Amino acid sequence: MTLKRIWPFLVLLALGMAQLTVYYPQLPETMSIHFNKDGLANGWSSREVYFSIQIGLLVTLTLFAAFAPLWGRRPGMKFRLPNSDYWLARERKEQTMAWIENSYRKLFLLSMILMLLVSEQVLRANLSQPVRLDSTLFVVGLGLYFLVIAIWLLRLFRRFRRP
């Protein structure tokens, strides 16, 4: 684990903490945290619980991003990878593992960015009267997230197809 690999996650962690610090004093004690398809609140929580969950998610994603690549390097670790006998052969294993680690880091990074954007929408919605989430922006963000994951899966299967 090097700082070079995890610095983007540390930056997002710091941004997330700054986001929460700025919004915390402005928000009501009871926050809307779940919204229907029209952006209207239909689930609530205390401000402390919401912020605790957000901090926990940010820290957890940062730790996963930092340590997940190390789990794949454990001796005897098996991967379910298309054509794994070929791609995990001694002469290709290092390059294969580097590609997988880099890909997972990008997915974790994308997940953290999505989480921060959703959190921003929820926080802003709680400052508006009436409380309303801009569901259009949420759906677009989520759609882009799933599009990137679909592209990643296609790249994974193309990258590790039979030679």
N, C-alpha and C. Protein backbone atom coordinates (compact mmCIF):
# COMPACT_ATOMS: atom_id res chain seq x y z
N MET A 1 0.85 -1.17 0.00
CA MET A 1 0.00 0.00 0.00
C MET A 1 0.90 1.24 0.00
N THR A 2 0.74 2.06 -1.01
CA THR A 2 1.53 3.28 -1.06
C THR A 2 0.59 4.48 -1.08
N LEU A 3 1.13 5.61 -0.64
CA LEU A 3 0.36 6.84 -0.63
C LEU A 3 -0.07 7.21 -2.05
N LYS A 4 0.78 6.87 -3.02
CA LYS A 4 0.48 7.18 -4.42
C LYS A 4 -0.84 6.53 -4.84
N ARG A 5 -1.10 5.33 -4.34
CA ARG A 5 -2.31 4.61 -4.73
C ARG A 5 -3.55 5.06 -3.98
N ILE A 6 -3.39 5.54 -2.76
CA ILE A 6 -4.59 5.87 -1.98
C ILE A 6 -4.83 7.37 -1.81
N TRP A 7 -3.96 8.23 -2.32
CA TRP A 7 -4.16 9.66 -2.10
C TRP A 7 -5.50 10.16 -2.65
N PRO A 8 -6.01 9.67 -3.80
CA PRO A 8 -7.32 10.18 -4.24
C PRO A 8 -8.42 9.86 -3.22
N PHE A 9 -8.32 8.73 -2.56
CA PHE A 9 -9.32 8.35 -1.56
C PHE A 9 -9.20 9.20 -0.31
N LEU A 10 -7.98 9.53 0.04
CA LEU A 10 -7.78 10.41 1.19
C LEU A 10 -8.32 11.80 0.90
N VAL A 11 -8.15 12.26 -0.34
CA VAL A 11 -8.71 13.56 -0.73
C VAL A 11 -10.23 13.52 -0.66
N LEU A 12 -10.85 12.45 -1.19
CA LEU A 12 -12.31 12.34 -1.13
C LEU A 12 -12.80 12.19 0.31
N LEU A 13 -12.05 11.47 1.13
CA LEU A 13 -12.39 11.36 2.54
C LEU A 13 -12.38 12.74 3.19
N ALA A 14 -11.34 13.52 2.91
CA ALA A 14 -11.25 14.88 3.47
C ALA A 14 -12.39 15.76 2.95
N LEU A 15 -12.71 15.64 1.66
CA LEU A 15 -13.82 16.42 1.10
C LEU A 15 -15.15 16.03 1.75
N GLY A 16 -15.33 14.73 1.94
CA GLY A 16 -16.55 14.27 2.59
C GLY A 16 -16.66 14.78 4.02
N MET A 17 -15.57 14.76 4.74
CA MET A 17 -15.58 15.25 6.11
C MET A 17 -15.84 16.76 6.14
N ALA A 18 -15.24 17.48 5.19
CA ALA A 18 -15.48 18.93 5.10
C ALA A 18 -16.95 19.20 4.77
N GLN A 19 -17.51 18.42 3.85
CA GLN A 19 -18.92 18.56 3.48
C GLN A 19 -19.80 18.40 4.72
N LEU A 20 -19.56 17.36 5.48
CA LEU A 20 -20.36 17.10 6.67
C LEU A 20 -20.17 18.19 7.73
N THR A 21 -18.95 18.66 7.88
CA THR A 21 -18.65 19.70 8.86
C THR A 21 -19.37 21.01 8.52
N VAL A 22 -19.40 21.36 7.25
CA VAL A 22 -20.04 22.60 6.82
C VAL A 22 -21.56 22.51 7.00
N TYR A 23 -22.16 21.40 6.65
CA TYR A 23 -23.61 21.28 6.69
C TYR A 23 -24.17 21.00 8.08
N TYR A 24 -23.41 20.34 8.93
CA TYR A 24 -23.94 19.87 10.22
C TYR A 24 -24.70 20.95 11.00
N PRO A 25 -24.11 22.11 11.24
CA PRO A 25 -24.83 23.09 12.08
C PRO A 25 -26.06 23.70 11.39
N GLN A 26 -26.16 23.57 10.10
CA GLN A 26 -27.28 24.18 9.37
C GLN A 26 -28.51 23.29 9.30
N LEU A 27 -28.37 22.02 9.60
CA LEU A 27 -29.44 21.05 9.37
C LEU A 27 -30.32 20.86 10.61
N PRO A 28 -31.58 20.46 10.37
CA PRO A 28 -32.48 20.21 11.51
C PRO A 28 -32.08 18.95 12.26
N GLU A 29 -32.56 18.83 13.49
CA GLU A 29 -32.27 17.65 14.30
C GLU A 29 -32.79 16.37 13.65
N THR A 30 -33.96 16.43 13.03
CA THR A 30 -34.53 15.29 12.31
C THR A 30 -34.44 15.60 10.82
N MET A 31 -33.76 14.72 10.12
CA MET A 31 -33.50 14.93 8.69
C MET A 31 -34.29 13.94 7.85
N SER A 32 -34.66 14.38 6.66
CA SER A 32 -35.22 13.49 5.67
C SER A 32 -34.05 12.76 5.02
N ILE A 33 -34.11 11.42 5.02
CA ILE A 33 -32.98 10.66 4.47
C ILE A 33 -33.41 9.71 3.37
N HIS A 34 -34.70 9.57 3.15
CA HIS A 34 -35.20 8.70 2.09
C HIS A 34 -36.28 9.45 1.36
N PHE A 35 -36.27 9.30 0.04
CA PHE A 35 -37.19 10.07 -0.80
C PHE A 35 -37.85 9.16 -1.81
N ASN A 36 -39.09 9.48 -2.18
CA ASN A 36 -39.78 8.69 -3.20
C ASN A 36 -39.36 9.15 -4.59
N LYS A 37 -39.96 8.56 -5.61
CA LYS A 37 -39.55 8.87 -6.99
C LYS A 37 -39.81 10.32 -7.38
N ASP A 38 -40.68 10.99 -6.66
CA ASP A 38 -40.98 12.40 -6.94
C ASP A 38 -40.09 13.34 -6.14
N GLY A 39 -39.19 12.79 -5.34
CA GLY A 39 -38.29 13.61 -4.54
C GLY A 39 -38.85 14.03 -3.21
N LEU A 40 -40.02 13.49 -2.83
CA LEU A 40 -40.63 13.84 -1.55
C LEU A 40 -40.13 12.90 -0.46
N ALA A 41 -39.90 13.46 0.71
CA ALA A 41 -39.37 12.69 1.84
C ALA A 41 -40.38 11.65 2.30
N ASN A 42 -39.88 10.42 2.55
CA ASN A 42 -40.72 9.38 3.12
C ASN A 42 -39.95 8.53 4.14
N GLY A 43 -38.81 9.05 4.60
CA GLY A 43 -38.02 8.38 5.63
C GLY A 43 -37.16 9.42 6.34
N TRP A 44 -37.06 9.29 7.68
CA TRP A 44 -36.36 10.29 8.46
C TRP A 44 -35.39 9.64 9.44
N SER A 45 -34.45 10.43 9.89
CA SER A 45 -33.47 9.97 10.86
C SER A 45 -32.97 11.18 11.64
N SER A 46 -32.35 10.91 12.76
CA SER A 46 -31.71 12.02 13.47
C SER A 46 -30.47 12.46 12.69
N ARG A 47 -30.12 13.68 12.86
CA ARG A 47 -28.94 14.23 12.19
C ARG A 47 -27.70 13.44 12.59
N GLU A 48 -27.59 13.06 13.86
CA GLU A 48 -26.42 12.34 14.35
C GLU A 48 -26.28 10.97 13.69
N VAL A 49 -27.40 10.26 13.55
CA VAL A 49 -27.36 8.94 12.92
C VAL A 49 -26.95 9.08 11.46
N TYR A 50 -27.54 10.03 10.74
CA TYR A 50 -27.19 10.23 9.33
C TYR A 50 -25.70 10.52 9.18
N PHE A 51 -25.19 11.42 9.99
CA PHE A 51 -23.78 11.80 9.88
C PHE A 51 -22.87 10.65 10.29
N SER A 52 -23.26 9.88 11.29
CA SER A 52 -22.46 8.72 11.70
C SER A 52 -22.37 7.69 10.57
N ILE A 53 -23.48 7.46 9.91
CA ILE A 53 -23.49 6.51 8.78
C ILE A 53 -22.61 7.03 7.65
N GLN A 54 -22.72 8.30 7.34
CA GLN A 54 -21.91 8.88 6.26
C GLN A 54 -20.41 8.77 6.57
N ILE A 55 -20.04 9.10 7.77
CA ILE A 55 -18.63 9.01 8.16
C ILE A 55 -18.16 7.56 8.09
N GLY A 56 -18.98 6.64 8.59
CA GLY A 56 -18.63 5.22 8.54
C GLY A 56 -18.44 4.73 7.11
N LEU A 57 -19.33 5.14 6.22
CA LEU A 57 -19.20 4.74 4.81
C LEU A 57 -17.95 5.31 4.17
N LEU A 58 -17.67 6.57 4.43
CA LEU A 58 -16.47 7.19 3.86
C LEU A 58 -15.20 6.49 4.34
N VAL A 59 -15.13 6.22 5.62
CA VAL A 59 -13.94 5.56 6.18
C VAL A 59 -13.84 4.13 5.65
N THR A 60 -14.96 3.42 5.60
CA THR A 60 -14.96 2.04 5.12
C THR A 60 -14.52 1.96 3.67
N LEU A 61 -15.05 2.82 2.81
CA LEU A 61 -14.63 2.80 1.41
C LEU A 61 -13.16 3.15 1.26
N THR A 62 -12.68 4.09 2.06
CA THR A 62 -11.26 4.44 2.00
C THR A 62 -10.40 3.26 2.43
N LEU A 63 -10.79 2.56 3.49
CA LEU A 63 -10.03 1.40 3.94
C LEU A 63 -10.07 0.27 2.92
N PHE A 64 -11.24 0.03 2.33
CA PHE A 64 -11.34 -0.99 1.29
C PHE A 64 -10.42 -0.65 0.12
N ALA A 65 -10.43 0.60 -0.29
CA ALA A 65 -9.59 1.01 -1.40
C ALA A 65 -8.11 0.82 -1.08
N ALA A 66 -7.76 1.05 0.17
CA ALA A 66 -6.35 0.93 0.57
C ALA A 66 -5.91 -0.52 0.72
N PHE A 67 -6.79 -1.37 1.27
CA PHE A 67 -6.37 -2.72 1.62
C PHE A 67 -6.87 -3.83 0.70
N ALA A 68 -7.89 -3.59 -0.08
CA ALA A 68 -8.42 -4.64 -0.96
C ALA A 68 -7.36 -5.22 -1.89
N PRO A 69 -6.50 -4.41 -2.48
CA PRO A 69 -5.48 -5.00 -3.35
C PRO A 69 -4.55 -5.98 -2.63
N LEU A 70 -4.35 -5.76 -1.34
CA LEU A 70 -3.47 -6.66 -0.59
C LEU A 70 -4.10 -8.04 -0.41
N TRP A 71 -5.44 -8.11 -0.31
CA TRP A 71 -6.10 -9.39 -0.14
C TRP A 71 -5.89 -10.28 -1.34
N GLY A 72 -5.89 -9.70 -2.52
CA GLY A 72 -5.70 -10.47 -3.73
C GLY A 72 -4.28 -10.99 -3.89
N ARG A 73 -3.36 -10.47 -3.13
CA ARG A 73 -1.94 -10.88 -3.22
C ARG A 73 -1.60 -11.98 -2.22
N ARG A 74 -2.56 -12.38 -1.40
CA ARG A 74 -2.27 -13.43 -0.43
C ARG A 74 -1.94 -14.73 -1.14
N PRO A 75 -0.99 -15.48 -0.62
CA PRO A 75 -0.67 -16.78 -1.22
C PRO A 75 -1.88 -17.71 -1.21
N GLY A 76 -2.09 -18.38 -2.30
CA GLY A 76 -3.20 -19.32 -2.41
C GLY A 76 -4.54 -18.69 -2.69
N MET A 77 -4.58 -17.36 -2.85
CA MET A 77 -5.84 -16.67 -3.13
C MET A 77 -6.34 -17.06 -4.50
N LYS A 78 -7.59 -17.45 -4.59
CA LYS A 78 -8.19 -17.86 -5.86
C LYS A 78 -9.14 -16.77 -6.35
N PHE A 79 -9.11 -16.52 -7.64
CA PHE A 79 -10.00 -15.56 -8.27
C PHE A 79 -10.93 -16.28 -9.22
N ARG A 80 -12.15 -15.81 -9.29
CA ARG A 80 -13.06 -16.28 -10.33
C ARG A 80 -12.91 -15.30 -11.48
N LEU A 81 -12.07 -15.66 -12.38
CA LEU A 81 -11.70 -14.81 -13.50
C LEU A 81 -11.86 -15.63 -14.77
N PRO A 82 -12.45 -15.05 -15.81
CA PRO A 82 -12.54 -15.81 -17.06
C PRO A 82 -11.15 -16.28 -17.49
N ASN A 83 -11.04 -17.55 -17.85
CA ASN A 83 -9.77 -18.12 -18.32
C ASN A 83 -8.64 -17.92 -17.31
N SER A 84 -8.96 -18.13 -16.05
CA SER A 84 -8.00 -17.83 -14.99
C SER A 84 -6.72 -18.67 -15.07
N ASP A 85 -6.81 -19.89 -15.59
CA ASP A 85 -5.59 -20.69 -15.70
C ASP A 85 -4.55 -19.99 -16.57
N TYR A 86 -5.02 -19.37 -17.63
CA TYR A 86 -4.11 -18.66 -18.54
C TYR A 86 -3.65 -17.34 -17.91
N TRP A 87 -4.61 -16.53 -17.44
CA TRP A 87 -4.28 -15.18 -16.99
C TRP A 87 -3.54 -15.14 -15.65
N LEU A 88 -3.68 -16.18 -14.86
CA LEU A 88 -2.98 -16.22 -13.58
C LEU A 88 -1.76 -17.13 -13.60
N ALA A 89 -1.36 -17.53 -14.81
CA ALA A 89 -0.12 -18.30 -14.95
C ALA A 89 1.04 -17.41 -14.49
N ARG A 90 2.07 -18.05 -14.02
CA ARG A 90 3.21 -17.34 -13.43
C ARG A 90 3.71 -16.17 -14.28
N GLU A 91 3.81 -16.35 -15.60
CA GLU A 91 4.38 -15.30 -16.46
C GLU A 91 3.42 -14.11 -16.68
N ARG A 92 2.13 -14.28 -16.37
CA ARG A 92 1.17 -13.20 -16.58
C ARG A 92 0.50 -12.71 -15.30
N LYS A 93 0.73 -13.38 -14.22
CA LYS A 93 0.01 -13.08 -12.98
C LYS A 93 0.24 -11.65 -12.50
N GLU A 94 1.45 -11.18 -12.51
CA GLU A 94 1.75 -9.83 -12.00
C GLU A 94 1.01 -8.76 -12.80
N GLN A 95 1.04 -8.86 -14.11
CA GLN A 95 0.35 -7.90 -14.97
C GLN A 95 -1.17 -8.00 -14.77
N THR A 96 -1.68 -9.22 -14.65
CA THR A 96 -3.12 -9.42 -14.43
C THR A 96 -3.54 -8.80 -13.10
N MET A 97 -2.78 -9.06 -12.06
CA MET A 97 -3.12 -8.52 -10.73
C MET A 97 -3.05 -7.00 -10.72
N ALA A 98 -2.08 -6.43 -11.42
CA ALA A 98 -1.97 -4.97 -11.49
C ALA A 98 -3.21 -4.38 -12.17
N TRP A 99 -3.68 -5.02 -13.24
CA TRP A 99 -4.87 -4.54 -13.95
C TRP A 99 -6.10 -4.62 -13.05
N ILE A 100 -6.25 -5.73 -12.34
CA ILE A 100 -7.40 -5.92 -11.45
C ILE A 100 -7.36 -4.89 -10.32
N GLU A 101 -6.22 -4.71 -9.70
CA GLU A 101 -6.09 -3.75 -8.61
C GLU A 101 -6.41 -2.34 -9.08
N ASN A 102 -5.90 -1.96 -10.22
CA ASN A 102 -6.17 -0.63 -10.77
C ASN A 102 -7.65 -0.46 -11.06
N SER A 103 -8.28 -1.49 -11.60
CA SER A 103 -9.70 -1.42 -11.91
C SER A 103 -10.54 -1.29 -10.65
N TYR A 104 -10.20 -2.05 -9.63
CA TYR A 104 -10.96 -1.96 -8.38
C TYR A 104 -10.78 -0.60 -7.72
N ARG A 105 -9.60 -0.05 -7.78
CA ARG A 105 -9.38 1.28 -7.22
C ARG A 105 -10.28 2.30 -7.92
N LYS A 106 -10.39 2.19 -9.24
CA LYS A 106 -11.26 3.10 -9.99
C LYS A 106 -12.72 2.93 -9.60
N LEU A 107 -13.16 1.70 -9.40
CA LEU A 107 -14.55 1.47 -8.98
C LEU A 107 -14.81 2.01 -7.58
N PHE A 108 -13.87 1.82 -6.67
CA PHE A 108 -14.03 2.38 -5.33
C PHE A 108 -14.06 3.91 -5.39
N LEU A 109 -13.22 4.47 -6.22
CA LEU A 109 -13.19 5.93 -6.38
C LEU A 109 -14.53 6.43 -6.92
N LEU A 110 -15.03 5.78 -7.94
CA LEU A 110 -16.32 6.14 -8.51
C LEU A 110 -17.44 6.00 -7.46
N SER A 111 -17.38 4.96 -6.65
CA SER A 111 -18.39 4.75 -5.60
C SER A 111 -18.35 5.87 -4.57
N MET A 112 -17.14 6.29 -4.21
CA MET A 112 -17.03 7.39 -3.24
C MET A 112 -17.54 8.70 -3.82
N ILE A 113 -17.26 8.94 -5.09
CA ILE A 113 -17.74 10.17 -5.73
C ILE A 113 -19.27 10.16 -5.77
N LEU A 114 -19.86 9.03 -6.15
CA LEU A 114 -21.32 8.92 -6.17
C LEU A 114 -21.88 9.15 -4.76
N MET A 115 -21.25 8.56 -3.76
CA MET A 115 -21.72 8.73 -2.40
C MET A 115 -21.70 10.20 -1.98
N LEU A 116 -20.63 10.91 -2.33
CA LEU A 116 -20.53 12.33 -1.98
C LEU A 116 -21.58 13.16 -2.72
N LEU A 117 -21.84 12.81 -3.98
CA LEU A 117 -22.86 13.54 -4.74
C LEU A 117 -24.26 13.30 -4.18
N VAL A 118 -24.55 12.06 -3.83
CA VAL A 118 -25.86 11.75 -3.24
C VAL A 118 -26.00 12.45 -1.89
N SER A 119 -24.95 12.39 -1.10
CA SER A 119 -24.97 13.07 0.19
C SER A 119 -25.22 14.56 0.02
N GLU A 120 -24.58 15.17 -0.96
CA GLU A 120 -24.78 16.60 -1.23
C GLU A 120 -26.24 16.88 -1.57
N GLN A 121 -26.84 16.01 -2.38
CA GLN A 121 -28.25 16.18 -2.74
C GLN A 121 -29.15 16.07 -1.51
N VAL A 122 -28.88 15.09 -0.66
CA VAL A 122 -29.69 14.89 0.56
C VAL A 122 -29.53 16.09 1.50
N LEU A 123 -28.31 16.54 1.66
CA LEU A 123 -28.06 17.67 2.55
C LEU A 123 -28.74 18.94 2.03
N ARG A 124 -28.63 19.19 0.73
CA ARG A 124 -29.29 20.37 0.15
C ARG A 124 -30.81 20.27 0.24
N ALA A 125 -31.32 19.07 0.03
CA ALA A 125 -32.77 18.88 0.12
C ALA A 125 -33.27 19.23 1.52
N ASN A 126 -32.48 18.89 2.54
CA ASN A 126 -32.89 19.16 3.91
C ASN A 126 -32.80 20.64 4.27
N LEU A 127 -32.13 21.41 3.45
CA LEU A 127 -32.07 22.85 3.68
C LEU A 127 -33.17 23.59 2.94
N SER A 128 -33.86 22.91 2.05
CA SER A 128 -34.91 23.56 1.26
C SER A 128 -36.26 23.42 1.96
N GLN A 129 -37.17 24.31 1.63
CA GLN A 129 -38.54 24.26 2.15
C GLN A 129 -39.50 24.34 0.99
N PRO A 130 -40.33 23.36 0.77
CA PRO A 130 -40.37 22.10 1.50
C PRO A 130 -39.18 21.22 1.14
N VAL A 131 -38.91 20.24 1.99
CA VAL A 131 -37.78 19.33 1.75
C VAL A 131 -38.11 18.52 0.50
N ARG A 132 -37.21 18.62 -0.48
CA ARG A 132 -37.43 17.91 -1.74
C ARG A 132 -36.08 17.60 -2.39
N LEU A 133 -35.92 16.35 -2.78
CA LEU A 133 -34.69 15.91 -3.45
C LEU A 133 -34.85 16.11 -4.94
N ASP A 134 -33.81 16.63 -5.58
CA ASP A 134 -33.82 16.75 -7.04
C ASP A 134 -33.58 15.35 -7.60
N SER A 135 -34.67 14.62 -7.82
CA SER A 135 -34.55 13.22 -8.23
C SER A 135 -33.98 13.09 -9.64
N THR A 136 -34.10 14.11 -10.48
CA THR A 136 -33.55 14.05 -11.82
C THR A 136 -32.03 13.91 -11.76
N LEU A 137 -31.40 14.76 -10.96
CA LEU A 137 -29.94 14.71 -10.83
C LEU A 137 -29.51 13.38 -10.21
N PHE A 138 -30.27 12.89 -9.25
CA PHE A 138 -29.96 11.61 -8.62
C PHE A 138 -30.02 10.47 -9.64
N VAL A 139 -31.09 10.44 -10.44
CA VAL A 139 -31.26 9.37 -11.43
C VAL A 139 -30.17 9.44 -12.49
N VAL A 140 -29.81 10.63 -12.92
CA VAL A 140 -28.74 10.78 -13.91
C VAL A 140 -27.41 10.28 -13.33
N GLY A 141 -27.11 10.67 -12.10
CA GLY A 141 -25.87 10.22 -11.45
C GLY A 141 -25.83 8.72 -11.29
N LEU A 142 -26.93 8.14 -10.86
CA LEU A 142 -26.99 6.70 -10.69
C LEU A 142 -26.90 5.98 -12.03
N GLY A 143 -27.56 6.54 -13.04
CA GLY A 143 -27.49 5.95 -14.38
C GLY A 143 -26.07 5.95 -14.92
N LEU A 144 -25.35 7.06 -14.73
CA LEU A 144 -23.96 7.13 -15.17
C LEU A 144 -23.09 6.13 -14.41
N TYR A 145 -23.36 5.99 -13.13
CA TYR A 145 -22.62 5.03 -12.31
C TYR A 145 -22.78 3.62 -12.86
N PHE A 146 -24.02 3.22 -13.13
CA PHE A 146 -24.26 1.87 -13.65
C PHE A 146 -23.74 1.71 -15.08
N LEU A 147 -23.75 2.76 -15.85
CA LEU A 147 -23.17 2.71 -17.20
C LEU A 147 -21.67 2.43 -17.11
N VAL A 148 -20.98 3.12 -16.22
CA VAL A 148 -19.55 2.91 -16.06
C VAL A 148 -19.27 1.48 -15.58
N ILE A 149 -20.10 0.97 -14.67
CA ILE A 149 -19.90 -0.40 -14.21
C ILE A 149 -20.12 -1.39 -15.36
N ALA A 150 -21.12 -1.14 -16.19
CA ALA A 150 -21.36 -2.02 -17.35
C ALA A 150 -20.17 -1.99 -18.30
N ILE A 151 -19.63 -0.81 -18.55
CA ILE A 151 -18.45 -0.69 -19.41
C ILE A 151 -17.27 -1.42 -18.78
N TRP A 152 -17.11 -1.27 -17.47
CA TRP A 152 -16.03 -1.96 -16.78
C TRP A 152 -16.16 -3.47 -16.93
N LEU A 153 -17.38 -3.98 -16.78
CA LEU A 153 -17.59 -5.43 -16.93
C LEU A 153 -17.26 -5.89 -18.35
N LEU A 154 -17.67 -5.11 -19.34
CA LEU A 154 -17.32 -5.45 -20.73
C LEU A 154 -15.81 -5.46 -20.93
N ARG A 155 -15.14 -4.46 -20.37
CA ARG A 155 -13.67 -4.41 -20.48
C ARG A 155 -13.03 -5.61 -19.78
N LEU A 156 -13.60 -5.99 -18.63
CA LEU A 156 -13.08 -7.13 -17.89
C LEU A 156 -13.16 -8.39 -18.75
N PHE A 157 -14.32 -8.64 -19.33
CA PHE A 157 -14.47 -9.85 -20.13
C PHE A 157 -13.68 -9.80 -21.44
N ARG A 158 -13.52 -8.61 -22.01
CA ARG A 158 -12.68 -8.49 -23.21
C ARG A 158 -11.22 -8.66 -22.86
N ARG A 159 -10.81 -8.11 -21.74
CA ARG A 159 -9.41 -8.17 -21.32
C ARG A 159 -8.99 -9.61 -21.02
N PHE A 160 -9.91 -10.38 -20.43
CA PHE A 160 -9.55 -11.72 -19.99
C PHE A 160 -10.22 -12.83 -20.82
N ARG A 161 -10.49 -12.51 -22.07
CA ARG A 161 -11.03 -13.55 -22.95
C ARG A 161 -9.91 -14.51 -23.34
N ARG A 162 -10.29 -15.57 -23.97
CA ARG A 162 -9.26 -16.53 -24.41
C ARG A 162 -8.32 -15.86 -25.40
N PRO A 163 -7.03 -16.07 -25.22
CA PRO A 163 -6.04 -15.46 -26.13
C PRO A 163 -6.07 -16.13 -27.50
